[in-house]
C-alpha cells in the first residue's frame, strides 16, 4: 500500500489525466482522393471531420494544394488542455507550447490539426477560417517535406490567403473585403512607419512570434497576408507551391527565395514596402466599422 502522501499524489495525477481526456477529443479524417467532394455550402461542414474534408476538397480541387491521405484532428476545450495537447500530441517543447497557447487557437503540424475549441466558440465563418489556415500549414509541410523550411511570414500569409479564398468559395466572405480589412489594420504599424519591414527577422518562427508579441498579432498576420497577396498577384499562386517544393532541398532560405522568385529577399522587401506604403496612404473608407475584423484569437 502506498504511503498517504504518495496515494494523494497518485490520485491527483489520475484525476488530472482523466480531466484532460474529458476535454480532449480525437478525430481521424480520411482525405483520400475519392472522399474529397466539394461541399454544397457551409451548412454541410458542421462537424470537425466534415469541415476538414470539405475544406480539403476546395484546397485540392480549386487551388492544387496537396493534402495527406489522413489527418488527425485534436480538439481541446480549454487553454490548459490545449497547452498540454501541444506537448503530448504534437511533441512541442513545453516553453513553446505555453507561448503558443497564450495567443493561438490552432496549430497545424505534420498530418495533424490541433485546435483549441473554446467554450462558446461558434462553428461559423471564423471556425472554418481557422481550419483552412491550419490545413494550409499541413499542406505546406507536405510540399516541403518538413516544417520551418520556408519564410515564416510567407507561410502565414499564404495560409491566410488560402483561408480567405476558401471562405469566398463557400460564399461566407470575400478576399477583397479581407484585403481592405488588412490595409486598415496595418495603418500606423511601426514597421511601415519606420520604412523597414525586416523580413529577415520575420522569416523565422521565433522572429515572427517576437514580432507579433511586440507589435500586435493581428497587424502582423495582416501584414504577412498583404505581402503574400502581392506576391501571388505578381507571380501566380502556383509559384508559391513551387517555392515550398524548393524549400525541401538543402539550401539556405534566402537562396531558395531568390531562385524561385528571381530576386533577393532584400530586393523584394524594398519593392513590397513601396506597394504597402501606397496602400496605407490611400483615403480611409468612411465606414471604418464595416472593415472591422472579428475579435478572434489567431491561428499559428
C-alpha atoms as a PDB file:
ATOM      1  CA  UNK A   1       0.000   0.000   0.000  1.00  0.00           C
ATOM      2  CA  UNK A   2       1.328   3.439  -0.895  1.00  0.00           C
ATOM      3  CA  UNK A   3       2.021   5.936   1.918  1.00  0.00           C
ATOM      4  CA  UNK A   4      -0.775   8.547   2.409  1.00  0.00           C
ATOM      5  CA  UNK A   5       1.171  11.351   0.716  1.00  0.00           C
ATOM      6  CA  UNK A   6       2.092   9.137  -2.245  1.00  0.00           C
ATOM      7  CA  UNK A   7      -1.519   7.985  -2.557  1.00  0.00           C
ATOM      8  CA  UNK A   8      -2.678  11.592  -2.615  1.00  0.00           C
ATOM      9  CA  UNK A   9      -0.199  12.461  -5.356  1.00  0.00           C
ATOM     10  CA  UNK A  10      -1.222   9.446  -7.439  1.00  0.00           C
ATOM     11  CA  UNK A  11      -4.902  10.348  -7.074  1.00  0.00           C
ATOM     12  CA  UNK A  12      -4.211  13.940  -8.170  1.00  0.00           C
ATOM     13  CA  UNK A  13      -2.260  12.681 -11.187  1.00  0.00           C
ATOM     14  CA  UNK A  14      -5.040  10.280 -12.185  1.00  0.00           C
ATOM     15  CA  UNK A  15      -7.691  12.979 -11.823  1.00  0.00           C
ATOM     16  CA  UNK A  16      -5.593  15.352 -13.926  1.00  0.00           C
ATOM     17  CA  UNK A  17      -5.204  12.786 -16.715  1.00  0.00           C
ATOM     18  CA  UNK A  18      -8.915  11.989 -16.591  1.00  0.00           C
ATOM     19  CA  UNK A  19      -9.732  15.698 -16.761  1.00  0.00           C
ATOM     20  CA  UNK A  20      -7.528  16.162 -19.831  1.00  0.00           C
ATOM     21  CA  UNK A  21      -9.132  13.167 -21.539  1.00  0.00           C
ATOM     22  CA  UNK A  22     -12.601  14.553 -20.847  1.00  0.00           C
ATOM     23  CA  UNK A  23     -11.663  17.850 -22.503  1.00  0.00           C
ATOM     24  CA  UNK A  24      -9.844  16.338 -25.476  1.00  0.00           C
ATOM     25  CA  UNK A  25     -11.336  14.573 -28.465  1.00  0.00           C
ATOM     26  CA  UNK A  26      -9.572  12.997 -31.419  1.00  0.00           C
ATOM     27  CA  UNK A  27     -10.979  12.578 -34.920  1.00  0.00           C
ATOM     28  CA  UNK A  28      -9.183  10.711 -37.714  1.00  0.00           C
ATOM     29  CA  UNK A  29     -10.191  12.209 -41.057  1.00  0.00           C
ATOM     30  CA  UNK A  30      -9.819  10.352 -44.348  1.00  0.00           C
ATOM     31  CA  UNK A  31      -8.580  12.669 -47.105  1.00  0.00           C
ATOM     32  CA  UNK A  32      -8.023  10.139 -49.871  1.00  0.00           C
ATOM     33  CA  UNK A  33      -8.992  11.434 -53.312  1.00  0.00           C
ATOM     34  CA  UNK A  34     -12.398   9.720 -53.532  1.00  0.00           C
ATOM     35  CA  UNK A  35     -13.545  11.342 -50.257  1.00  0.00           C
ATOM     36  CA  UNK A  36     -12.806  14.900 -51.398  1.00  0.00           C
ATOM     37  CA  UNK A  37     -16.108  16.252 -52.678  1.00  0.00           C
ATOM     38  CA  UNK A  38     -16.603  19.995 -52.860  1.00  0.00           C
ATOM     39  CA  UNK A  39     -19.155  20.986 -50.217  1.00  0.00           C
ATOM     40  CA  UNK A  40     -22.547  22.282 -51.331  1.00  0.00           C
ATOM     41  CA  UNK A  41     -22.256  25.039 -48.738  1.00  0.00           C
ATOM     42  CA  UNK A  42     -21.083  25.896 -45.256  1.00  0.00           C
ATOM     43  CA  UNK A  43     -24.108  24.195 -43.686  1.00  0.00           C
ATOM     44  CA  UNK A  44     -22.670  20.811 -44.644  1.00  0.00           C
ATOM     45  CA  UNK A  45     -19.498  21.461 -42.613  1.00  0.00           C
ATOM     46  CA  UNK A  46     -20.983  21.308 -39.116  1.00  0.00           C
ATOM     47  CA  UNK A  47     -18.645  18.688 -37.619  1.00  0.00           C
ATOM     48  CA  UNK A  48     -14.876  18.995 -37.428  1.00  0.00           C
ATOM     49  CA  UNK A  49     -14.428  15.966 -39.688  1.00  0.00           C
ATOM     50  CA  UNK A  50     -16.837  17.253 -42.331  1.00  0.00           C
ATOM     51  CA  UNK A  51     -15.218  20.686 -42.189  1.00  0.00           C
ATOM     52  CA  UNK A  52     -11.718  19.291 -42.716  1.00  0.00           C
ATOM     53  CA  UNK A  53     -12.878  17.093 -45.617  1.00  0.00           C
ATOM     54  CA  UNK A  54     -14.865  19.869 -47.303  1.00  0.00           C
ATOM     55  CA  UNK A  55     -12.127  22.467 -46.948  1.00  0.00           C
ATOM     56  CA  UNK A  56      -9.512  19.980 -48.153  1.00  0.00           C
ATOM     57  CA  UNK A  57     -11.644  19.355 -51.257  1.00  0.00           C
ATOM     58  CA  UNK A  58     -11.628  23.076 -52.102  1.00  0.00           C
ATOM     59  CA  UNK A  59      -7.894  23.330 -51.463  1.00  0.00           C
ATOM     60  CA  UNK A  60      -7.094  20.325 -53.656  1.00  0.00           C
ATOM     61  CA  UNK A  61      -9.578  20.823 -56.493  1.00  0.00           C
ATOM     62  CA  UNK A  62      -9.582  24.620 -56.746  1.00  0.00           C
ATOM     63  CA  UNK A  63      -6.061  25.552 -55.657  1.00  0.00           C
ATOM     64  CA  UNK A  64      -3.983  22.466 -56.451  1.00  0.00           C
ATOM     65  CA  UNK A  65      -2.708  22.069 -52.901  1.00  0.00           C
ATOM     66  CA  UNK A  66      -1.687  18.589 -51.730  1.00  0.00           C
ATOM     67  CA  UNK A  67      -3.063  17.073 -48.544  1.00  0.00           C
ATOM     68  CA  UNK A  68      -2.065  13.828 -46.820  1.00  0.00           C
ATOM     69  CA  UNK A  69      -4.375  10.833 -47.118  1.00  0.00           C
ATOM     70  CA  UNK A  70      -5.181  11.041 -43.427  1.00  0.00           C
ATOM     71  CA  UNK A  71      -5.202  13.861 -40.885  1.00  0.00           C
ATOM     72  CA  UNK A  72      -5.724  13.501 -37.159  1.00  0.00           C
ATOM     73  CA  UNK A  73      -7.717  16.340 -35.624  1.00  0.00           C
ATOM     74  CA  UNK A  74      -7.343  17.061 -31.905  1.00  0.00           C
ATOM     75  CA  UNK A  75      -9.973  19.235 -30.228  1.00  0.00           C
ATOM     76  CA  UNK A  76      -9.274  20.744 -26.799  1.00  0.00           C
ATOM     77  CA  UNK A  77     -11.915  22.547 -24.761  1.00  0.00           C
ATOM     78  CA  UNK A  78      -9.640  24.628 -22.517  1.00  0.00           C
ATOM     79  CA  UNK A  79      -6.416  26.601 -22.752  1.00  0.00           C
ATOM     80  CA  UNK A  80      -4.504  24.421 -20.291  1.00  0.00           C
ATOM     81  CA  UNK A  81      -5.708  21.266 -22.015  1.00  0.00           C
ATOM     82  CA  UNK A  82      -4.667  22.796 -25.358  1.00  0.00           C
ATOM     83  CA  UNK A  83      -1.213  23.564 -23.970  1.00  0.00           C
ATOM     84  CA  UNK A  84      -0.807  20.007 -22.677  1.00  0.00           C
ATOM     85  CA  UNK A  85      -2.027  18.665 -26.022  1.00  0.00           C
ATOM     86  CA  UNK A  86       0.639  20.623 -27.861  1.00  0.00           C
ATOM     87  CA  UNK A  87       3.219  18.937 -25.645  1.00  0.00           C
ATOM     88  CA  UNK A  88       1.834  15.387 -25.634  1.00  0.00           C
ATOM     89  CA  UNK A  89       0.184  15.092 -29.047  1.00  0.00           C
ATOM     90  CA  UNK A  90       2.437  17.341 -31.151  1.00  0.00           C
ATOM     91  CA  UNK A  91       5.739  16.935 -29.274  1.00  0.00           C
ATOM     92  CA  UNK A  92       6.171  20.687 -28.918  1.00  0.00           C
ATOM     93  CA  UNK A  93       8.595  21.831 -26.231  1.00  0.00           C
ATOM     94  CA  UNK A  94       6.810  22.941 -23.024  1.00  0.00           C
ATOM     95  CA  UNK A  95       8.070  26.526 -23.176  1.00  0.00           C
ATOM     96  CA  UNK A  96       6.968  26.894 -26.810  1.00  0.00           C
ATOM     97  CA  UNK A  97       3.622  25.205 -26.057  1.00  0.00           C
ATOM     98  CA  UNK A  98       2.940  27.649 -23.234  1.00  0.00           C
ATOM     99  CA  UNK A  99       3.781  30.545 -25.532  1.00  0.00           C
ATOM    100  CA  UNK A 100       1.571  29.271 -28.371  1.00  0.00           C
ATOM    101  CA  UNK A 101      -1.403  28.519 -26.132  1.00  0.00           C
ATOM    102  CA  UNK A 102      -1.426  32.131 -24.939  1.00  0.00           C
ATOM    103  CA  UNK A 103      -2.236  33.574 -28.371  1.00  0.00           C
ATOM    104  CA  UNK A 104      -3.059  30.758 -30.802  1.00  0.00           C
ATOM    105  CA  UNK A 105      -6.260  28.773 -31.212  1.00  0.00           C
ATOM    106  CA  UNK A 106      -4.848  26.315 -33.710  1.00  0.00           C
ATOM    107  CA  UNK A 107      -1.625  24.640 -34.799  1.00  0.00           C
ATOM    108  CA  UNK A 108      -1.007  22.690 -37.991  1.00  0.00           C
ATOM    109  CA  UNK A 109       1.664  20.009 -37.799  1.00  0.00           C
ATOM    110  CA  UNK A 110       2.636  17.068 -39.993  1.00  0.00           C
ATOM    111  CA  UNK A 111      -0.683  15.302 -40.672  1.00  0.00           C
ATOM    112  CA  UNK A 112      -2.125  16.844 -37.513  1.00  0.00           C
ATOM    113  CA  UNK A 113      -4.538  19.665 -36.701  1.00  0.00           C
ATOM    114  CA  UNK A 114      -4.611  20.766 -33.075  1.00  0.00           C
ATOM    115  CA  UNK A 115      -7.485  23.140 -32.332  1.00  0.00           C
ATOM    116  CA  UNK A 116      -8.498  24.982 -29.187  1.00  0.00           C
ATOM    117  CA  UNK A 117     -12.272  24.559 -29.321  1.00  0.00           C
ATOM    118  CA  UNK A 118     -13.002  27.358 -26.904  1.00  0.00           C
ATOM    119  CA  UNK A 119     -16.268  27.150 -24.909  1.00  0.00           C
ATOM    120  CA  UNK A 120     -18.883  29.284 -26.640  1.00  0.00           C
ATOM    121  CA  UNK A 121     -16.912  29.476 -29.890  1.00  0.00           C
ATOM    122  CA  UNK A 122     -19.358  29.416 -32.784  1.00  0.00           C
ATOM    123  CA  UNK A 123     -18.826  26.856 -35.540  1.00  0.00           C
ATOM    124  CA  UNK A 124     -19.233  29.541 -38.186  1.00  0.00           C
ATOM    125  CA  UNK A 125     -17.042  31.575 -40.504  1.00  0.00           C
ATOM    126  CA  UNK A 126     -14.088  32.077 -38.162  1.00  0.00           C
ATOM    127  CA  UNK A 127     -14.050  28.400 -37.174  1.00  0.00           C
ATOM    128  CA  UNK A 128     -13.852  27.402 -40.845  1.00  0.00           C
ATOM    129  CA  UNK A 129     -11.176  30.033 -41.443  1.00  0.00           C
ATOM    130  CA  UNK A 130      -9.129  28.575 -38.596  1.00  0.00           C
ATOM    131  CA  UNK A 131      -9.366  25.050 -40.014  1.00  0.00           C
ATOM    132  CA  UNK A 132      -8.456  26.253 -43.523  1.00  0.00           C
ATOM    133  CA  UNK A 133      -5.480  28.226 -42.185  1.00  0.00           C
ATOM    134  CA  UNK A 134      -4.078  25.290 -40.227  1.00  0.00           C
ATOM    135  CA  UNK A 135      -4.795  22.784 -43.001  1.00  0.00           C
ATOM    136  CA  UNK A 136      -2.735  25.017 -45.302  1.00  0.00           C
ATOM    137  CA  UNK A 137       0.206  24.578 -42.920  1.00  0.00           C
ATOM    138  CA  UNK A 138      -0.306  20.812 -43.145  1.00  0.00           C
ATOM    139  CA  UNK A 139      -0.186  21.144 -46.932  1.00  0.00           C
ATOM    140  CA  UNK A 140       2.972  23.285 -46.781  1.00  0.00           C
ATOM    141  CA  UNK A 141       4.644  20.584 -44.707  1.00  0.00           C
ATOM    142  CA  UNK A 142       3.688  18.009 -47.347  1.00  0.00           C
ATOM    143  CA  UNK A 143       5.216  20.187 -50.075  1.00  0.00           C
ATOM    144  CA  UNK A 144       8.436  20.970 -48.192  1.00  0.00           C
ATOM    145  CA  UNK A 145       8.753  17.535 -46.541  1.00  0.00           C
ATOM    146  CA  UNK A 146       9.175  19.206 -43.179  1.00  0.00           C
ATOM    147  CA  UNK A 147       8.459  22.231 -41.008  1.00  0.00           C
ATOM    148  CA  UNK A 148      10.157  25.597 -40.713  1.00  0.00           C
ATOM    149  CA  UNK A 149      11.906  25.467 -44.089  1.00  0.00           C
ATOM    150  CA  UNK A 150      10.172  28.455 -45.684  1.00  0.00           C
ATOM    151  CA  UNK A 151       9.938  32.118 -44.805  1.00  0.00           C
ATOM    152  CA  UNK A 152       7.572  32.270 -41.833  1.00  0.00           C
ATOM    153  CA  UNK A 153       5.813  35.441 -42.985  1.00  0.00           C
ATOM    154  CA  UNK A 154       5.178  33.767 -46.345  1.00  0.00           C
ATOM    155  CA  UNK A 155       3.884  30.571 -44.727  1.00  0.00           C
ATOM    156  CA  UNK A 156       1.474  32.572 -42.557  1.00  0.00           C
ATOM    157  CA  UNK A 157       0.461  34.953 -45.331  1.00  0.00           C
ATOM    158  CA  UNK A 158      -0.247  32.073 -47.697  1.00  0.00           C
ATOM    159  CA  UNK A 159      -2.299  30.301 -45.002  1.00  0.00           C
ATOM    160  CA  UNK A 160      -4.400  33.443 -44.559  1.00  0.00           C
ATOM    161  CA  UNK A 161      -4.863  33.901 -48.330  1.00  0.00           C
ATOM    162  CA  UNK A 162      -5.960  30.282 -48.751  1.00  0.00           C
ATOM    163  CA  UNK A 163      -8.316  30.536 -45.774  1.00  0.00           C
ATOM    164  CA  UNK A 164      -9.950  33.689 -47.166  1.00  0.00           C
ATOM    165  CA  UNK A 165     -10.237  32.067 -50.589  1.00  0.00           C
ATOM    166  CA  UNK A 166     -11.943  29.033 -49.048  1.00  0.00           C
ATOM    167  CA  UNK A 167     -14.430  31.324 -47.286  1.00  0.00           C
ATOM    168  CA  UNK A 168     -15.069  33.071 -50.594  1.00  0.00           C
ATOM    169  CA  UNK A 169     -15.783  29.751 -52.332  1.00  0.00           C
ATOM    170  CA  UNK A 170     -18.201  28.933 -49.504  1.00  0.00           C
ATOM    171  CA  UNK A 171     -19.853  32.346 -50.045  1.00  0.00           C
ATOM    172  CA  UNK A 172     -19.090  33.397 -46.469  1.00  0.00           C
ATOM    173  CA  UNK A 173     -16.670  36.231 -47.227  1.00  0.00           C
ATOM    174  CA  UNK A 174     -14.649  37.876 -49.992  1.00  0.00           C
ATOM    175  CA  UNK A 175     -10.878  38.076 -50.386  1.00  0.00           C
ATOM    176  CA  UNK A 176     -11.297  41.707 -51.448  1.00  0.00           C
ATOM    177  CA  UNK A 177     -13.023  42.529 -48.145  1.00  0.00           C
ATOM    178  CA  UNK A 178     -10.262  40.835 -46.188  1.00  0.00           C
ATOM    179  CA  UNK A 179      -7.758  42.865 -48.205  1.00  0.00           C
ATOM    180  CA  UNK A 180      -9.459  46.085 -47.115  1.00  0.00           C
ATOM    181  CA  UNK A 181      -9.577  44.875 -43.504  1.00  0.00           C
ATOM    182  CA  UNK A 182      -5.839  44.149 -43.646  1.00  0.00           C
ATOM    183  CA  UNK A 183      -4.989  47.539 -45.140  1.00  0.00           C
ATOM    184  CA  UNK A 184      -6.966  49.256 -42.382  1.00  0.00           C
ATOM    185  CA  UNK A 185      -5.255  47.053 -39.802  1.00  0.00           C
ATOM    186  CA  UNK A 186      -1.648  47.803 -40.792  1.00  0.00           C
ATOM    187  CA  UNK A 187      -2.067  51.562 -40.964  1.00  0.00           C
ATOM    188  CA  UNK A 188       0.198  53.008 -38.316  1.00  0.00           C
ATOM    189  CA  UNK A 189       2.176  49.795 -37.846  1.00  0.00           C
ATOM    190  CA  UNK A 190       5.688  50.519 -36.627  1.00  0.00           C
ATOM    191  CA  UNK A 191       7.424  48.624 -39.453  1.00  0.00           C
ATOM    192  CA  UNK A 192       5.697  50.688 -42.153  1.00  0.00           C
ATOM    193  CA  UNK A 193       6.245  53.952 -40.320  1.00  0.00           C
ATOM    194  CA  UNK A 194       9.925  53.121 -39.915  1.00  0.00           C
ATOM    195  CA  UNK A 195      10.203  52.133 -43.582  1.00  0.00           C
ATOM    196  CA  UNK A 196      11.828  48.818 -42.707  1.00  0.00           C
ATOM    197  CA  UNK A 197       9.915  45.529 -42.767  1.00  0.00           C
ATOM    198  CA  UNK A 198      12.877  43.430 -41.561  1.00  0.00           C
ATOM    199  CA  UNK A 199      11.839  40.284 -43.434  1.00  0.00           C
ATOM    200  CA  UNK A 200      14.994  38.528 -42.276  1.00  0.00           C
ATOM    201  CA  UNK A 201      13.634  38.506 -38.717  1.00  0.00           C
ATOM    202  CA  UNK A 202      10.018  37.981 -39.794  1.00  0.00           C
ATOM    203  CA  UNK A 203      11.138  34.949 -41.783  1.00  0.00           C
ATOM    204  CA  UNK A 204      11.944  32.749 -38.768  1.00  0.00           C
ATOM    205  CA  UNK A 205       9.321  31.168 -36.477  1.00  0.00           C
ATOM    206  CA  UNK A 206      10.875  32.721 -33.382  1.00  0.00           C
ATOM    207  CA  UNK A 207      11.322  36.114 -35.020  1.00  0.00           C
ATOM    208  CA  UNK A 208       7.728  36.082 -36.256  1.00  0.00           C
ATOM    209  CA  UNK A 209       6.437  35.287 -32.769  1.00  0.00           C
ATOM    210  CA  UNK A 210       8.515  38.010 -31.113  1.00  0.00           C
ATOM    211  CA  UNK A 211       7.402  40.496 -33.736  1.00  0.00           C
ATOM    212  CA  UNK A 212       3.705  39.958 -33.232  1.00  0.00           C
ATOM    213  CA  UNK A 213       4.077  39.910 -29.441  1.00  0.00           C
ATOM    214  CA  UNK A 214       5.770  43.294 -29.728  1.00  0.00           C
ATOM    215  CA  UNK A 215       3.696  44.932 -32.465  1.00  0.00           C
ATOM    216  CA  UNK A 216       0.393  43.079 -32.199  1.00  0.00           C
ATOM    217  CA  UNK A 217      -0.717  39.708 -33.520  1.00  0.00           C
ATOM    218  CA  UNK A 218      -3.454  40.812 -35.878  1.00  0.00           C
ATOM    219  CA  UNK A 219      -1.448  43.554 -37.695  1.00  0.00           C
ATOM    220  CA  UNK A 220       1.491  41.158 -38.116  1.00  0.00           C
ATOM    221  CA  UNK A 221      -0.702  38.486 -39.708  1.00  0.00           C
ATOM    222  CA  UNK A 222      -2.385  41.145 -41.843  1.00  0.00           C
ATOM    223  CA  UNK A 223       0.994  42.448 -42.998  1.00  0.00           C
ATOM    224  CA  UNK A 224       2.039  38.911 -43.931  1.00  0.00           C
ATOM    225  CA  UNK A 225      -1.204  38.411 -45.854  1.00  0.00           C
ATOM    226  CA  UNK A 226      -0.776  41.641 -47.837  1.00  0.00           C
ATOM    227  CA  UNK A 227       2.820  40.832 -48.762  1.00  0.00           C
ATOM    228  CA  UNK A 228       1.872  37.319 -49.833  1.00  0.00           C
ATOM    229  CA  UNK A 229      -1.136  38.572 -51.775  1.00  0.00           C
ATOM    230  CA  UNK A 230       1.169  40.961 -53.627  1.00  0.00           C
ATOM    231  CA  UNK A 231       3.494  38.079 -54.481  1.00  0.00           C
ATOM    232  CA  UNK A 232       0.557  35.949 -55.683  1.00  0.00           C
ATOM    233  CA  UNK A 233      -0.695  38.759 -57.922  1.00  0.00           C
ATOM    234  CA  UNK A 234       2.782  39.196 -59.342  1.00  0.00           C
ATOM    235  CA  UNK A 235       3.832  35.565 -59.735  1.00  0.00           C
ATOM    236  CA  UNK A 236       0.629  33.495 -59.617  1.00  0.00           C
ATOM    237  CA  UNK A 237      -0.388  31.095 -56.856  1.00  0.00           C
ATOM    238  CA  UNK A 238       1.309  28.002 -58.419  1.00  0.00           C
ATOM    239  CA  UNK A 239       4.659  29.729 -57.946  1.00  0.00           C
ATOM    240  CA  UNK A 240       4.131  29.602 -54.189  1.00  0.00           C
ATOM    241  CA  UNK A 241       3.718  25.846 -54.416  1.00  0.00           C
ATOM    242  CA  UNK A 242       6.990  25.703 -56.377  1.00  0.00           C
ATOM    243  CA  UNK A 243       8.629  27.688 -53.594  1.00  0.00           C
ATOM    244  CA  UNK A 244       7.592  25.231 -50.881  1.00  0.00           C
ATOM    245  CA  UNK A 245       8.722  22.290 -53.008  1.00  0.00           C
ATOM    246  CA  UNK A 246      12.081  24.029 -53.489  1.00  0.00           C
ATOM    247  CA  UNK A 247      12.310  24.601 -49.730  1.00  0.00           C
ATOM    248  CA  UNK A 248      12.581  20.820 -49.285  1.00  0.00           C
ATOM    249  CA  UNK A 249      16.036  20.851 -50.869  1.00  0.00           C
ATOM    250  CA  UNK A 250      19.039  21.665 -48.642  1.00  0.00           C
ATOM    251  CA  UNK A 251      19.726  25.324 -49.296  1.00  0.00           C
ATOM    252  CA  UNK A 252      19.706  28.490 -47.246  1.00  0.00           C
ATOM    253  CA  UNK A 253      16.381  30.336 -47.029  1.00  0.00           C
ATOM    254  CA  UNK A 254      17.497  33.381 -48.976  1.00  0.00           C
ATOM    255  CA  UNK A 255      18.871  31.312 -51.858  1.00  0.00           C
ATOM    256  CA  UNK A 256      15.580  29.410 -52.134  1.00  0.00           C
ATOM    257  CA  UNK A 257      13.605  32.647 -52.276  1.00  0.00           C
ATOM    258  CA  UNK A 258      15.951  34.150 -54.883  1.00  0.00           C
ATOM    259  CA  UNK A 259      15.953  31.068 -57.111  1.00  0.00           C
ATOM    260  CA  UNK A 260      12.153  30.789 -57.181  1.00  0.00           C
ATOM    261  CA  UNK A 261      11.112  34.447 -57.310  1.00  0.00           C
ATOM    262  CA  UNK A 262      14.055  35.877 -59.247  1.00  0.00           C
ATOM    263  CA  UNK A 263      15.159  38.470 -56.691  1.00  0.00           C
ATOM    264  CA  UNK A 264      16.785  38.589 -53.302  1.00  0.00           C
ATOM    265  CA  UNK A 265      14.756  38.928 -50.146  1.00  0.00           C
ATOM    266  CA  UNK A 266      16.181  42.426 -49.698  1.00  0.00           C
ATOM    267  CA  UNK A 267      15.055  43.455 -53.192  1.00  0.00           C
ATOM    268  CA  UNK A 268      11.570  42.084 -52.580  1.00  0.00           C
ATOM    269  CA  UNK A 269      11.397  43.904 -49.256  1.00  0.00           C
ATOM    270  CA  UNK A 270      12.118  47.257 -50.920  1.00  0.00           C
ATOM    271  CA  UNK A 271       9.573  46.555 -53.664  1.00  0.00           C
ATOM    272  CA  UNK A 272       6.750  45.411 -51.399  1.00  0.00           C
ATOM    273  CA  UNK A 273       7.424  48.228 -48.923  1.00  0.00           C
ATOM    274  CA  UNK A 274       6.703  50.793 -51.642  1.00  0.00           C
ATOM    275  CA  UNK A 275       3.485  48.933 -52.513  1.00  0.00           C
ATOM    276  CA  UNK A 276       2.352  48.814 -48.881  1.00  0.00           C
ATOM    277  CA  UNK A 277       3.098  52.480 -48.304  1.00  0.00           C
ATOM    278  CA  UNK A 278       0.942  53.352 -51.310  1.00  0.00           C
ATOM    279  CA  UNK A 279      -1.865  51.183 -49.924  1.00  0.00           C
ATOM    280  CA  UNK A 280      -1.896  52.700 -46.449  1.00  0.00           C
ATOM    281  CA  UNK A 281      -1.720  56.240 -47.812  1.00  0.00           C
ATOM    282  CA  UNK A 282      -4.919  55.796 -49.805  1.00  0.00           C
ATOM    283  CA  UNK A 283      -8.004  57.566 -48.384  1.00  0.00           C
ATOM    284  CA  UNK A 284      -9.532  55.713 -45.442  1.00  0.00           C
ATOM    285  CA  UNK A 285     -13.075  54.398 -46.149  1.00  0.00           C
ATOM    286  CA  UNK A 286     -15.783  56.442 -44.420  1.00  0.00           C
ATOM    287  CA  UNK A 287     -17.458  53.387 -42.907  1.00  0.00           C
ATOM    288  CA  UNK A 288     -14.446  52.192 -40.943  1.00  0.00           C
ATOM    289  CA  UNK A 289     -16.616  49.923 -38.803  1.00  0.00           C
ATOM    290  CA  UNK A 290     -17.525  47.914 -41.895  1.00  0.00           C
ATOM    291  CA  UNK A 291     -13.874  46.913 -42.127  1.00  0.00           C
ATOM    292  CA  UNK A 292     -13.603  45.785 -38.535  1.00  0.00           C
ATOM    293  CA  UNK A 293     -12.171  42.323 -38.215  1.00  0.00           C
ATOM    294  CA  UNK A 294     -13.974  39.848 -35.932  1.00  0.00           C
ATOM    295  CA  UNK A 295     -12.396  39.773 -32.479  1.00  0.00           C
ATOM    296  CA  UNK A 296     -10.884  36.301 -32.672  1.00  0.00           C
ATOM    297  CA  UNK A 297      -7.609  34.992 -31.392  1.00  0.00           C
ATOM    298  CA  UNK A 298      -5.212  33.943 -34.050  1.00  0.00           C
ATOM    299  CA  UNK A 299      -4.137  30.695 -35.649  1.00  0.00           C
ATOM    300  CA  UNK A 300      -0.494  29.895 -35.686  1.00  0.00           C
END
